Amino acid sequence: MTKRPLSTRQRILAATLALFNERGPDHVTTAEIAAAVKINGGNLYYHFRTKEALVLALFARFEADALAIVARIDGADEAASATYSGLLRQWFSLVWNYRFLFRDLIGLVSSAPALVEPIGAVSAAMRVAVGDIVGRMEKAGLAAIPERERPAVLTNLWIVSTYWASYLNLQEGVTEFGPQQIDWGLRQVSSLFRPYLSPEATAELEAMLAAEP
């Protein structure tokens, strides 16, 4: 079956995402985006009038993809530890695909203040989703988190799994992100999970970390 060609809007977003990931939004001009798509500036302006509009459109795509990952658990085997290690790997792949959003988060919020509200909404929704996923793991006997520790564990899971790229950029000076950095992030989140996992879930986690991305 022949794939339908991407629309001009889709091609603009794909090119913008690649350029933003490579160099950061502050170092990419709309003229460079238009050139990458092989359209003129007027055509780009017709679809996206500002760079902020491009950032918001890409964030909306990230949000849809994030919610789709969470939704997959409803059709998966909730008693299988592989279900949850797979979700963790998918989440980190998504963060990698949209890494500019996390690596350059502080600058983005400053230059695109309209991001503040949707970022807050997605953060709140995903934190609820993390709690639900952990609850399902506990119901399946794959994890057990003491009630008094639950709020801190869930908060730290969300912080580390979402903002590891910002940490590496701001604290360690890492500007180039690749498989090694993704693996580092996965291991940080895994260290939070590991004390509360069953032997089966621990073995699955170790197998996931040992596997090629």
N, C-alpha and C. Protein backbone atom coordinates (compact mmCIF):
# COMPACT_ATOMS: atom_id res chain seq x y z
N MET A 1 0.84 -1.19 0.00
CA MET A 1 0.00 0.00 0.00
C MET A 1 0.88 1.25 0.00
N THR A 2 0.66 2.14 -0.94
CA THR A 2 1.47 3.34 -1.09
C THR A 2 1.12 4.35 0.00
N LYS A 3 2.16 4.88 0.66
CA LYS A 3 1.93 5.87 1.70
C LYS A 3 1.54 7.19 1.08
N ARG A 4 0.60 7.87 1.72
CA ARG A 4 0.21 9.18 1.26
C ARG A 4 1.33 10.17 1.56
N PRO A 5 1.63 11.07 0.63
CA PRO A 5 2.69 12.04 0.90
C PRO A 5 2.30 12.96 2.06
N LEU A 6 3.32 13.41 2.78
CA LEU A 6 3.07 14.31 3.89
C LEU A 6 2.57 15.65 3.38
N SER A 7 1.66 16.25 4.13
CA SER A 7 1.20 17.59 3.78
C SER A 7 2.32 18.60 4.04
N THR A 8 2.18 19.80 3.50
CA THR A 8 3.19 20.83 3.74
C THR A 8 3.33 21.10 5.23
N ARG A 9 2.22 21.15 5.95
CA ARG A 9 2.27 21.38 7.39
C ARG A 9 3.06 20.27 8.09
N GLN A 10 2.82 19.03 7.72
CA GLN A 10 3.53 17.90 8.34
C GLN A 10 5.03 17.97 8.02
N ARG A 11 5.35 18.34 6.79
CA ARG A 11 6.77 18.44 6.41
C ARG A 11 7.46 19.58 7.16
N ILE A 12 6.75 20.67 7.37
CA ILE A 12 7.31 21.79 8.14
C ILE A 12 7.61 21.34 9.56
N LEU A 13 6.67 20.64 10.19
CA LEU A 13 6.87 20.20 11.56
C LEU A 13 8.00 19.18 11.67
N ALA A 14 8.08 18.28 10.69
CA ALA A 14 9.15 17.28 10.71
C ALA A 14 10.52 17.96 10.58
N ALA A 15 10.64 18.91 9.69
CA ALA A 15 11.90 19.61 9.50
C ALA A 15 12.25 20.45 10.73
N THR A 16 11.24 21.10 11.29
CA THR A 16 11.46 21.94 12.47
C THR A 16 11.92 21.09 13.64
N LEU A 17 11.29 19.95 13.85
CA LEU A 17 11.67 19.06 14.94
C LEU A 17 13.13 18.62 14.79
N ALA A 18 13.52 18.24 13.59
CA ALA A 18 14.90 17.80 13.35
C ALA A 18 15.89 18.93 13.63
N LEU A 19 15.59 20.14 13.17
CA LEU A 19 16.49 21.27 13.36
C LEU A 19 16.54 21.70 14.83
N PHE A 20 15.38 21.73 15.49
CA PHE A 20 15.35 22.10 16.90
C PHE A 20 16.11 21.09 17.75
N ASN A 21 15.96 19.80 17.43
CA ASN A 21 16.68 18.77 18.18
C ASN A 21 18.18 18.89 17.97
N GLU A 22 18.56 19.23 16.76
CA GLU A 22 19.98 19.28 16.42
C GLU A 22 20.66 20.51 17.02
N ARG A 23 20.01 21.67 16.92
CA ARG A 23 20.69 22.91 17.30
C ARG A 23 19.99 23.74 18.36
N GLY A 24 18.74 23.44 18.66
CA GLY A 24 17.99 24.23 19.63
C GLY A 24 17.22 25.34 18.94
N PRO A 25 16.03 25.65 19.41
CA PRO A 25 15.18 26.66 18.76
C PRO A 25 15.84 28.02 18.63
N ASP A 26 16.64 28.42 19.61
CA ASP A 26 17.27 29.74 19.57
C ASP A 26 18.27 29.88 18.42
N HIS A 27 18.74 28.76 17.90
CA HIS A 27 19.78 28.80 16.87
C HIS A 27 19.25 28.40 15.49
N VAL A 28 17.93 28.35 15.36
CA VAL A 28 17.31 28.00 14.08
C VAL A 28 16.39 29.14 13.66
N THR A 29 16.52 29.60 12.42
CA THR A 29 15.66 30.66 11.92
C THR A 29 14.52 30.08 11.09
N THR A 30 13.47 30.86 10.93
CA THR A 30 12.35 30.42 10.10
C THR A 30 12.80 30.28 8.65
N ALA A 31 13.77 31.10 8.24
CA ALA A 31 14.29 30.99 6.87
C ALA A 31 14.97 29.64 6.65
N GLU A 32 15.68 29.15 7.67
CA GLU A 32 16.33 27.85 7.57
C GLU A 32 15.31 26.72 7.53
N ILE A 33 14.23 26.89 8.27
CA ILE A 33 13.17 25.88 8.25
C ILE A 33 12.53 25.83 6.86
N ALA A 34 12.22 26.99 6.32
CA ALA A 34 11.62 27.05 4.98
C ALA A 34 12.55 26.41 3.95
N ALA A 35 13.85 26.68 4.05
CA ALA A 35 14.81 26.11 3.12
C ALA A 35 14.86 24.59 3.25
N ALA A 36 14.77 24.09 4.48
CA ALA A 36 14.81 22.64 4.69
C ALA A 36 13.61 21.96 4.07
N VAL A 37 12.47 22.64 4.06
CA VAL A 37 11.25 22.07 3.49
C VAL A 37 11.13 22.35 2.00
N LYS A 38 12.02 23.24 1.51
CA LYS A 38 12.02 23.66 0.11
C LYS A 38 10.73 24.41 -0.25
N ILE A 39 10.37 25.35 0.64
CA ILE A 39 9.26 26.25 0.39
C ILE A 39 9.74 27.68 0.65
N ASN A 40 8.96 28.65 0.24
CA ASN A 40 9.37 30.02 0.50
C ASN A 40 8.84 30.49 1.86
N GLY A 41 9.36 31.64 2.29
CA GLY A 41 8.97 32.15 3.60
C GLY A 41 7.49 32.44 3.72
N GLY A 42 6.88 32.88 2.64
CA GLY A 42 5.46 33.17 2.67
C GLY A 42 4.62 31.93 2.91
N ASN A 43 5.04 30.82 2.31
CA ASN A 43 4.32 29.56 2.51
C ASN A 43 4.44 29.09 3.95
N LEU A 44 5.63 29.25 4.54
CA LEU A 44 5.82 28.89 5.94
C LEU A 44 4.95 29.78 6.83
N TYR A 45 4.92 31.07 6.52
CA TYR A 45 4.13 32.02 7.30
C TYR A 45 2.64 31.70 7.23
N TYR A 46 2.20 31.17 6.11
CA TYR A 46 0.79 30.80 5.95
C TYR A 46 0.39 29.74 6.97
N HIS A 47 1.30 28.79 7.23
CA HIS A 47 1.02 27.70 8.16
C HIS A 47 1.37 28.05 9.61
N PHE A 48 2.48 28.73 9.80
CA PHE A 48 2.95 29.09 11.14
C PHE A 48 3.52 30.50 11.10
N ARG A 49 2.86 31.40 11.77
CA ARG A 49 3.26 32.81 11.68
C ARG A 49 4.46 33.16 12.54
N THR A 50 4.74 32.35 13.55
CA THR A 50 5.87 32.62 14.44
C THR A 50 6.58 31.32 14.80
N LYS A 51 7.78 31.46 15.32
CA LYS A 51 8.50 30.28 15.82
C LYS A 51 7.79 29.71 17.03
N GLU A 52 7.17 30.59 17.82
CA GLU A 52 6.41 30.13 18.98
C GLU A 52 5.27 29.20 18.55
N ALA A 53 4.62 29.54 17.42
CA ALA A 53 3.53 28.69 16.92
C ALA A 53 4.07 27.31 16.55
N LEU A 54 5.28 27.26 16.02
CA LEU A 54 5.90 25.97 15.68
C LEU A 54 6.17 25.16 16.95
N VAL A 55 6.69 25.82 17.97
CA VAL A 55 6.97 25.13 19.24
C VAL A 55 5.69 24.58 19.83
N LEU A 56 4.63 25.37 19.83
CA LEU A 56 3.36 24.92 20.39
C LEU A 56 2.78 23.75 19.61
N ALA A 57 2.91 23.78 18.29
CA ALA A 57 2.41 22.68 17.47
C ALA A 57 3.18 21.39 17.76
N LEU A 58 4.49 21.51 17.93
CA LEU A 58 5.28 20.33 18.24
C LEU A 58 4.97 19.81 19.64
N PHE A 59 4.71 20.72 20.57
CA PHE A 59 4.34 20.28 21.91
C PHE A 59 3.00 19.54 21.88
N ALA A 60 2.07 20.02 21.06
CA ALA A 60 0.77 19.34 20.94
C ALA A 60 0.96 17.92 20.41
N ARG A 61 1.88 17.74 19.47
CA ARG A 61 2.16 16.40 18.96
C ARG A 61 2.78 15.53 20.04
N PHE A 62 3.71 16.11 20.82
CA PHE A 62 4.31 15.37 21.91
C PHE A 62 3.23 14.94 22.91
N GLU A 63 2.33 15.84 23.24
CA GLU A 63 1.27 15.53 24.19
C GLU A 63 0.42 14.36 23.71
N ALA A 64 0.05 14.39 22.42
CA ALA A 64 -0.77 13.31 21.87
C ALA A 64 -0.03 11.98 21.92
N ASP A 65 1.26 12.01 21.60
CA ASP A 65 2.06 10.79 21.63
C ASP A 65 2.23 10.26 23.05
N ALA A 66 2.39 11.18 24.01
CA ALA A 66 2.54 10.78 25.42
C ALA A 66 1.28 10.10 25.92
N LEU A 67 0.13 10.68 25.63
CA LEU A 67 -1.13 10.10 26.08
C LEU A 67 -1.40 8.76 25.39
N ALA A 68 -0.93 8.63 24.14
CA ALA A 68 -1.10 7.36 23.43
C ALA A 68 -0.30 6.25 24.09
N ILE A 69 0.90 6.56 24.59
CA ILE A 69 1.71 5.57 25.28
C ILE A 69 0.99 5.08 26.53
N VAL A 70 0.45 6.01 27.30
CA VAL A 70 -0.27 5.65 28.52
C VAL A 70 -1.49 4.80 28.20
N ALA A 71 -2.19 5.14 27.11
CA ALA A 71 -3.42 4.42 26.75
C ALA A 71 -3.15 2.97 26.37
N ARG A 72 -1.94 2.68 25.92
CA ARG A 72 -1.63 1.32 25.47
C ARG A 72 -1.71 0.30 26.58
N ILE A 73 -1.58 0.75 27.80
CA ILE A 73 -1.60 -0.21 28.91
C ILE A 73 -2.97 -0.87 29.04
N ASP A 74 -4.03 -0.18 28.58
CA ASP A 74 -5.37 -0.74 28.71
C ASP A 74 -5.57 -1.99 27.85
N GLY A 75 -4.78 -2.11 26.79
CA GLY A 75 -4.91 -3.28 25.95
C GLY A 75 -3.78 -4.28 26.13
N ALA A 76 -2.97 -4.05 27.16
CA ALA A 76 -1.80 -4.91 27.38
C ALA A 76 -2.05 -5.87 28.54
N ASP A 77 -1.14 -6.80 28.71
CA ASP A 77 -1.21 -7.75 29.82
C ASP A 77 -0.71 -7.07 31.08
N GLU A 78 -1.64 -6.68 31.95
CA GLU A 78 -1.26 -5.91 33.13
C GLU A 78 -0.52 -6.73 34.18
N ALA A 79 -0.53 -8.03 34.04
CA ALA A 79 0.17 -8.88 34.99
C ALA A 79 1.60 -9.19 34.56
N ALA A 80 1.97 -8.75 33.35
CA ALA A 80 3.29 -9.05 32.81
C ALA A 80 4.26 -7.90 33.09
N SER A 81 5.39 -8.21 33.68
CA SER A 81 6.36 -7.16 33.99
C SER A 81 6.90 -6.51 32.72
N ALA A 82 6.91 -7.26 31.61
CA ALA A 82 7.40 -6.71 30.34
C ALA A 82 6.54 -5.55 29.86
N THR A 83 5.27 -5.54 30.24
CA THR A 83 4.38 -4.44 29.86
C THR A 83 4.92 -3.12 30.39
N TYR A 84 5.39 -3.12 31.62
CA TYR A 84 5.80 -1.87 32.26
C TYR A 84 7.22 -1.46 31.86
N SER A 85 8.10 -2.42 31.70
CA SER A 85 9.44 -2.06 31.21
C SER A 85 9.34 -1.54 29.78
N GLY A 86 8.40 -2.09 29.00
CA GLY A 86 8.20 -1.61 27.64
C GLY A 86 7.68 -0.18 27.63
N LEU A 87 6.76 0.15 28.55
CA LEU A 87 6.25 1.51 28.65
C LEU A 87 7.37 2.49 29.01
N LEU A 88 8.25 2.07 29.90
CA LEU A 88 9.35 2.93 30.30
C LEU A 88 10.27 3.21 29.11
N ARG A 89 10.58 2.18 28.35
CA ARG A 89 11.41 2.37 27.17
C ARG A 89 10.73 3.26 26.14
N GLN A 90 9.42 3.09 25.94
CA GLN A 90 8.68 3.93 25.00
C GLN A 90 8.70 5.39 25.43
N TRP A 91 8.53 5.62 26.74
CA TRP A 91 8.54 6.99 27.23
C TRP A 91 9.88 7.66 26.97
N PHE A 92 10.97 6.96 27.25
CA PHE A 92 12.28 7.56 27.03
C PHE A 92 12.56 7.77 25.55
N SER A 93 12.05 6.90 24.71
CA SER A 93 12.20 7.11 23.27
C SER A 93 11.44 8.35 22.83
N LEU A 94 10.26 8.57 23.44
CA LEU A 94 9.48 9.76 23.11
C LEU A 94 10.22 11.02 23.55
N VAL A 95 10.75 11.01 24.77
CA VAL A 95 11.51 12.16 25.25
C VAL A 95 12.70 12.41 24.32
N TRP A 96 13.33 11.35 23.85
CA TRP A 96 14.44 11.49 22.92
C TRP A 96 13.97 12.12 21.61
N ASN A 97 12.84 11.68 21.09
CA ASN A 97 12.33 12.20 19.82
C ASN A 97 11.99 13.68 19.91
N TYR A 98 11.61 14.14 21.09
CA TYR A 98 11.27 15.56 21.30
C TYR A 98 12.25 16.19 22.29
N ARG A 99 13.50 15.80 22.22
CA ARG A 99 14.46 16.18 23.24
C ARG A 99 14.64 17.68 23.39
N PHE A 100 14.43 18.46 22.34
CA PHE A 100 14.61 19.90 22.47
C PHE A 100 13.66 20.48 23.51
N LEU A 101 12.46 19.88 23.65
CA LEU A 101 11.48 20.38 24.62
C LEU A 101 12.00 20.29 26.04
N PHE A 102 12.82 19.29 26.31
CA PHE A 102 13.31 19.06 27.66
C PHE A 102 14.70 19.64 27.86
N ARG A 103 15.53 19.47 26.85
CA ARG A 103 16.90 20.00 26.94
C ARG A 103 16.89 21.52 27.04
N ASP A 104 15.99 22.18 26.32
CA ASP A 104 15.96 23.64 26.24
C ASP A 104 14.74 24.22 26.94
N LEU A 105 14.21 23.49 27.94
CA LEU A 105 12.92 23.84 28.53
C LEU A 105 12.88 25.26 29.09
N ILE A 106 13.90 25.65 29.86
CA ILE A 106 13.88 26.96 30.51
C ILE A 106 13.83 28.08 29.48
N GLY A 107 14.66 27.98 28.45
CA GLY A 107 14.66 29.00 27.40
C GLY A 107 13.36 29.01 26.62
N LEU A 108 12.79 27.82 26.41
CA LEU A 108 11.54 27.72 25.65
C LEU A 108 10.40 28.44 26.38
N VAL A 109 10.29 28.20 27.67
CA VAL A 109 9.22 28.83 28.45
C VAL A 109 9.38 30.35 28.44
N SER A 110 10.63 30.81 28.43
CA SER A 110 10.88 32.25 28.40
C SER A 110 10.49 32.86 27.06
N SER A 111 10.82 32.16 25.98
CA SER A 111 10.54 32.70 24.64
C SER A 111 9.14 32.36 24.15
N ALA A 112 8.52 31.33 24.72
CA ALA A 112 7.17 30.92 24.32
C ALA A 112 6.32 30.75 25.58
N PRO A 113 5.93 31.87 26.22
CA PRO A 113 5.19 31.78 27.48
C PRO A 113 3.86 31.04 27.37
N ALA A 114 3.33 30.92 26.16
CA ALA A 114 2.08 30.18 25.99
C ALA A 114 2.26 28.70 26.29
N LEU A 115 3.51 28.26 26.44
CA LEU A 115 3.78 26.85 26.76
C LEU A 115 3.50 26.53 28.23
N VAL A 116 3.53 27.54 29.08
CA VAL A 116 3.43 27.29 30.52
C VAL A 116 2.18 26.50 30.88
N GLU A 117 1.03 26.92 30.36
CA GLU A 117 -0.22 26.26 30.72
C GLU A 117 -0.30 24.83 30.20
N PRO A 118 -0.01 24.57 28.89
CA PRO A 118 -0.08 23.18 28.43
C PRO A 118 0.94 22.27 29.07
N ILE A 119 2.13 22.79 29.38
CA ILE A 119 3.13 21.98 30.07
C ILE A 119 2.61 21.58 31.45
N GLY A 120 1.99 22.52 32.15
CA GLY A 120 1.43 22.22 33.46
C GLY A 120 0.33 21.19 33.39
N ALA A 121 -0.52 21.31 32.37
CA ALA A 121 -1.64 20.37 32.22
C ALA A 121 -1.14 18.96 31.91
N VAL A 122 -0.18 18.87 31.00
CA VAL A 122 0.36 17.55 30.64
C VAL A 122 1.09 16.95 31.83
N SER A 123 1.85 17.77 32.54
CA SER A 123 2.58 17.28 33.71
C SER A 123 1.62 16.70 34.74
N ALA A 124 0.52 17.40 34.99
CA ALA A 124 -0.46 16.92 35.96
C ALA A 124 -1.09 15.62 35.51
N ALA A 125 -1.46 15.55 34.23
CA ALA A 125 -2.10 14.35 33.70
C ALA A 125 -1.16 13.15 33.73
N MET A 126 0.10 13.37 33.39
CA MET A 126 1.05 12.28 33.36
C MET A 126 1.42 11.81 34.76
N ARG A 127 1.43 12.71 35.71
CA ARG A 127 1.70 12.29 37.09
C ARG A 127 0.57 11.39 37.60
N VAL A 128 -0.65 11.72 37.24
CA VAL A 128 -1.77 10.85 37.59
C VAL A 128 -1.61 9.49 36.92
N ALA A 129 -1.17 9.51 35.64
CA ALA A 129 -0.98 8.27 34.89
C ALA A 129 0.11 7.40 35.52
N VAL A 130 1.18 8.04 35.97
CA VAL A 130 2.26 7.29 36.63
C VAL A 130 1.73 6.60 37.89
N GLY A 131 0.92 7.33 38.66
CA GLY A 131 0.33 6.73 39.85
C GLY A 131 -0.56 5.55 39.51
N ASP A 132 -1.32 5.67 38.43
CA ASP A 132 -2.20 4.58 38.00
C ASP A 132 -1.39 3.36 37.56
N ILE A 133 -0.31 3.61 36.82
CA ILE A 133 0.53 2.51 36.35
C ILE A 133 1.18 1.78 37.52
N VAL A 134 1.70 2.54 38.47
CA VAL A 134 2.30 1.91 39.65
C VAL A 134 1.24 1.12 40.42
N GLY A 135 0.03 1.66 40.52
CA GLY A 135 -1.05 0.94 41.18
C GLY A 135 -1.35 -0.38 40.51
N ARG A 136 -1.33 -0.40 39.19
CA ARG A 136 -1.56 -1.64 38.45
C ARG A 136 -0.43 -2.64 38.70
N MET A 137 0.80 -2.13 38.78
CA MET A 137 1.92 -3.02 39.07
C MET A 137 1.77 -3.65 40.45
N GLU A 138 1.33 -2.86 41.41
CA GLU A 138 1.15 -3.39 42.76
C GLU A 138 0.03 -4.43 42.78
N LYS A 139 -1.04 -4.16 42.07
CA LYS A 139 -2.15 -5.10 42.01
C LYS A 139 -1.71 -6.43 41.40
N ALA A 140 -0.77 -6.36 40.45
CA ALA A 140 -0.27 -7.56 39.80
C ALA A 140 0.84 -8.25 40.61
N GLY A 141 1.20 -7.67 41.76
CA GLY A 141 2.23 -8.26 42.59
C GLY A 141 3.64 -8.01 42.09
N LEU A 142 3.80 -7.00 41.22
CA LEU A 142 5.11 -6.70 40.64
C LEU A 142 5.86 -5.62 41.41
N ALA A 143 5.15 -4.90 42.26
CA ALA A 143 5.78 -3.83 43.04
C ALA A 143 5.01 -3.63 44.33
N ALA A 144 5.70 -3.06 45.31
CA ALA A 144 5.06 -2.75 46.59
C ALA A 144 5.75 -1.52 47.17
N ILE A 145 5.04 -0.40 47.15
CA ILE A 145 5.58 0.85 47.69
C ILE A 145 4.82 1.20 48.96
N PRO A 146 5.52 1.32 50.09
CA PRO A 146 4.83 1.69 51.33
C PRO A 146 4.05 3.00 51.16
N GLU A 147 2.89 3.08 51.74
CA GLU A 147 2.01 4.24 51.55
C GLU A 147 2.71 5.54 51.91
N ARG A 148 3.50 5.55 52.97
CA ARG A 148 4.15 6.79 53.40
C ARG A 148 5.22 7.25 52.40
N GLU A 149 5.74 6.32 51.60
CA GLU A 149 6.78 6.67 50.63
C GLU A 149 6.22 6.99 49.25
N ARG A 150 4.97 6.64 49.02
CA ARG A 150 4.38 6.74 47.68
C ARG A 150 4.44 8.16 47.08
N PRO A 151 4.01 9.21 47.80
CA PRO A 151 4.03 10.54 47.18
C PRO A 151 5.42 10.95 46.69
N ALA A 152 6.43 10.72 47.52
CA ALA A 152 7.80 11.11 47.12
C ALA A 152 8.30 10.27 45.96
N VAL A 153 8.03 8.97 45.98
CA VAL A 153 8.48 8.09 44.90
C VAL A 153 7.83 8.49 43.58
N LEU A 154 6.52 8.71 43.57
CA LEU A 154 5.84 9.07 42.33
C LEU A 154 6.31 10.42 41.80
N THR A 155 6.51 11.37 42.70
CA THR A 155 7.00 12.68 42.27
C THR A 155 8.40 12.57 41.68
N ASN A 156 9.27 11.83 42.35
CA ASN A 156 10.64 11.68 41.84
C ASN A 156 10.69 10.92 40.53
N LEU A 157 9.82 9.92 40.38
CA LEU A 157 9.76 9.20 39.10
C LEU A 157 9.42 10.15 37.96
N TRP A 158 8.44 11.02 38.20
CA TRP A 158 8.05 11.96 37.15
C TRP A 158 9.16 12.97 36.87
N ILE A 159 9.76 13.51 37.91
CA ILE A 159 10.81 14.51 37.71
C ILE A 159 11.98 13.92 36.93
N VAL A 160 12.46 12.77 37.36
CA VAL A 160 13.64 12.19 36.73
C VAL A 160 13.34 11.72 35.30
N SER A 161 12.19 11.08 35.11
CA SER A 161 11.88 10.55 33.78
C SER A 161 11.59 11.64 32.77
N THR A 162 11.27 12.84 33.23
CA THR A 162 10.92 13.93 32.33
C THR A 162 12.06 14.93 32.15
N TYR A 163 12.77 15.23 33.23
CA TYR A 163 13.73 16.33 33.16
C TYR A 163 15.18 15.89 33.19
N TRP A 164 15.43 14.61 32.92
CA TRP A 164 16.82 14.14 32.90
C TRP A 164 17.63 14.85 31.83
N ALA A 165 17.00 15.17 30.70
CA ALA A 165 17.74 15.83 29.61
C ALA A 165 18.14 17.24 30.03
N SER A 166 17.23 17.95 30.72
CA SER A 166 17.56 19.29 31.21
C SER A 166 18.71 19.23 32.21
N TYR A 167 18.69 18.22 33.07
CA TYR A 167 19.76 18.07 34.05
C TYR A 167 21.11 17.89 33.36
N LEU A 168 21.16 16.99 32.40
CA LEU A 168 22.42 16.74 31.71
C LEU A 168 22.92 17.99 31.00
N ASN A 169 22.00 18.75 30.45
CA ASN A 169 22.37 19.96 29.72
C ASN A 169 22.86 21.05 30.67
N LEU A 170 22.08 21.31 31.75
CA LEU A 170 22.38 22.43 32.63
C LEU A 170 23.48 22.11 33.65
N GLN A 171 23.46 20.89 34.19
CA GLN A 171 24.40 20.54 35.25
C GLN A 171 25.69 19.90 34.76
N GLU A 172 25.59 19.14 33.69
CA GLU A 172 26.76 18.42 33.19
C GLU A 172 27.31 19.01 31.90
N GLY A 173 26.61 19.99 31.34
CA GLY A 173 27.10 20.63 30.11
C GLY A 173 26.98 19.76 28.88
N VAL A 174 26.11 18.75 28.92
CA VAL A 174 25.94 17.85 27.77
C VAL A 174 25.01 18.51 26.76
N THR A 175 25.50 18.69 25.54
CA THR A 175 24.68 19.31 24.48
C THR A 175 24.33 18.33 23.38
N GLU A 176 25.08 17.24 23.27
CA GLU A 176 24.79 16.23 22.27
C GLU A 176 24.18 15.01 22.96
N PHE A 177 22.97 14.65 22.54
CA PHE A 177 22.27 13.55 23.18
C PHE A 177 22.17 12.36 22.24
N GLY A 178 22.52 11.19 22.77
CA GLY A 178 22.46 9.97 21.97
C GLY A 178 22.07 8.79 22.85
N PRO A 179 22.26 7.57 22.35
CA PRO A 179 21.88 6.37 23.11
C PRO A 179 22.50 6.30 24.50
N GLN A 180 23.72 6.79 24.65
CA GLN A 180 24.38 6.74 25.96
C GLN A 180 23.62 7.58 26.98
N GLN A 181 23.12 8.75 26.55
CA GLN A 181 22.37 9.62 27.46
C GLN A 181 21.00 9.03 27.79
N ILE A 182 20.35 8.41 26.80
CA ILE A 182 19.07 7.76 27.04
C ILE A 182 19.25 6.65 28.07
N ASP A 183 20.31 5.86 27.90
CA ASP A 183 20.59 4.78 28.84
C ASP A 183 20.84 5.33 30.24
N TRP A 184 21.54 6.45 30.32
CA TRP A 184 21.79 7.08 31.62
C TRP A 184 20.47 7.45 32.29
N GLY A 185 19.56 8.07 31.53
CA GLY A 185 18.28 8.46 32.08
C GLY A 185 17.47 7.26 32.54
N LEU A 186 17.45 6.21 31.74
CA LEU A 186 16.73 5.00 32.11
C LEU A 186 17.26 4.43 33.42
N ARG A 187 18.56 4.46 33.59
CA ARG A 187 19.15 3.89 34.80
C ARG A 187 18.83 4.74 36.04
N GLN A 188 18.72 6.05 35.86
CA GLN A 188 18.35 6.90 37.00
C GLN A 188 16.93 6.57 37.47
N VAL A 189 16.00 6.45 36.52
CA VAL A 189 14.62 6.12 36.88
C VAL A 189 14.55 4.71 37.46
N SER A 190 15.30 3.80 36.87
CA SER A 190 15.29 2.42 37.35
C SER A 190 15.78 2.31 38.79
N SER A 191 16.72 3.17 39.17
CA SER A 191 17.24 3.13 40.54
C SER A 191 16.16 3.51 41.55
N LEU A 192 15.18 4.32 41.10
CA LEU A 192 14.07 4.69 41.98
C LEU A 192 13.08 3.54 42.13
N PHE A 193 12.88 2.80 41.03
CA PHE A 193 11.94 1.68 41.03
C PHE A 193 12.46 0.46 41.77
N ARG A 194 13.75 0.17 41.57
CA ARG A 194 14.30 -1.13 41.93
C ARG A 194 14.01 -1.59 43.37
N PRO A 195 14.09 -0.72 44.37
CA PRO A 195 13.86 -1.21 45.74
C PRO A 195 12.45 -1.73 46.00
N TYR A 196 11.51 -1.40 45.12
CA TYR A 196 10.11 -1.75 45.37
C TYR A 196 9.60 -2.86 44.46
N LEU A 197 10.47 -3.40 43.60
CA LEU A 197 10.04 -4.39 42.62
C LEU A 197 10.12 -5.81 43.13
N SER A 198 9.26 -6.65 42.58
CA SER A 198 9.33 -8.08 42.85
C SER A 198 10.53 -8.66 42.11
N PRO A 199 10.98 -9.87 42.48
CA PRO A 199 12.10 -10.49 41.75
C PRO A 199 11.83 -10.59 40.24
N GLU A 200 10.60 -10.94 39.87
CA GLU A 200 10.26 -11.05 38.44
C GLU A 200 10.41 -9.70 37.75
N ALA A 201 9.88 -8.65 38.36
CA ALA A 201 9.95 -7.32 37.76
C ALA A 201 11.38 -6.81 37.72
N THR A 202 12.15 -7.14 38.75
CA THR A 202 13.56 -6.73 38.76
C THR A 202 14.32 -7.38 37.62
N ALA A 203 14.08 -8.67 37.39
CA ALA A 203 14.75 -9.38 36.30
C ALA A 203 14.37 -8.78 34.95
N GLU A 204 13.11 -8.44 34.79
CA GLU A 204 12.65 -7.83 33.54
C GLU A 204 13.29 -6.46 33.34
N LEU A 205 13.39 -5.69 34.42
CA LEU A 205 14.02 -4.38 34.34
C LEU A 205 15.48 -4.50 33.92
N GLU A 206 16.20 -5.44 34.52
CA GLU A 206 17.61 -5.63 34.17
C GLU A 206 17.75 -6.06 32.72
N ALA A 207 16.85 -6.90 32.23
CA ALA A 207 16.89 -7.34 30.84
C ALA A 207 16.64 -6.16 29.91
N MET A 208 15.71 -5.27 30.28
CA MET A 208 15.43 -4.10 29.47
C MET A 208 16.62 -3.17 29.39
N LEU A 209 17.29 -2.98 30.52
CA LEU A 209 18.46 -2.10 30.55
C LEU A 209 19.63 -2.68 29.76
N ALA A 210 19.72 -4.00 29.73
CA ALA A 210 20.82 -4.66 29.02
C ALA A 210 20.57 -4.72 27.52
N ALA A 211 19.31 -4.57 27.11
CA ALA A 211 18.97 -4.68 25.69
C ALA A 211 19.38 -3.44 24.93
N GLU A 212 19.61 -3.61 23.64
CA GLU A 212 19.91 -2.48 22.78
C GLU A 212 18.66 -1.63 22.63
N PRO A 213 18.80 -0.27 22.62
CA PRO A 213 17.63 0.60 22.45
C PRO A 213 16.93 0.32 21.14
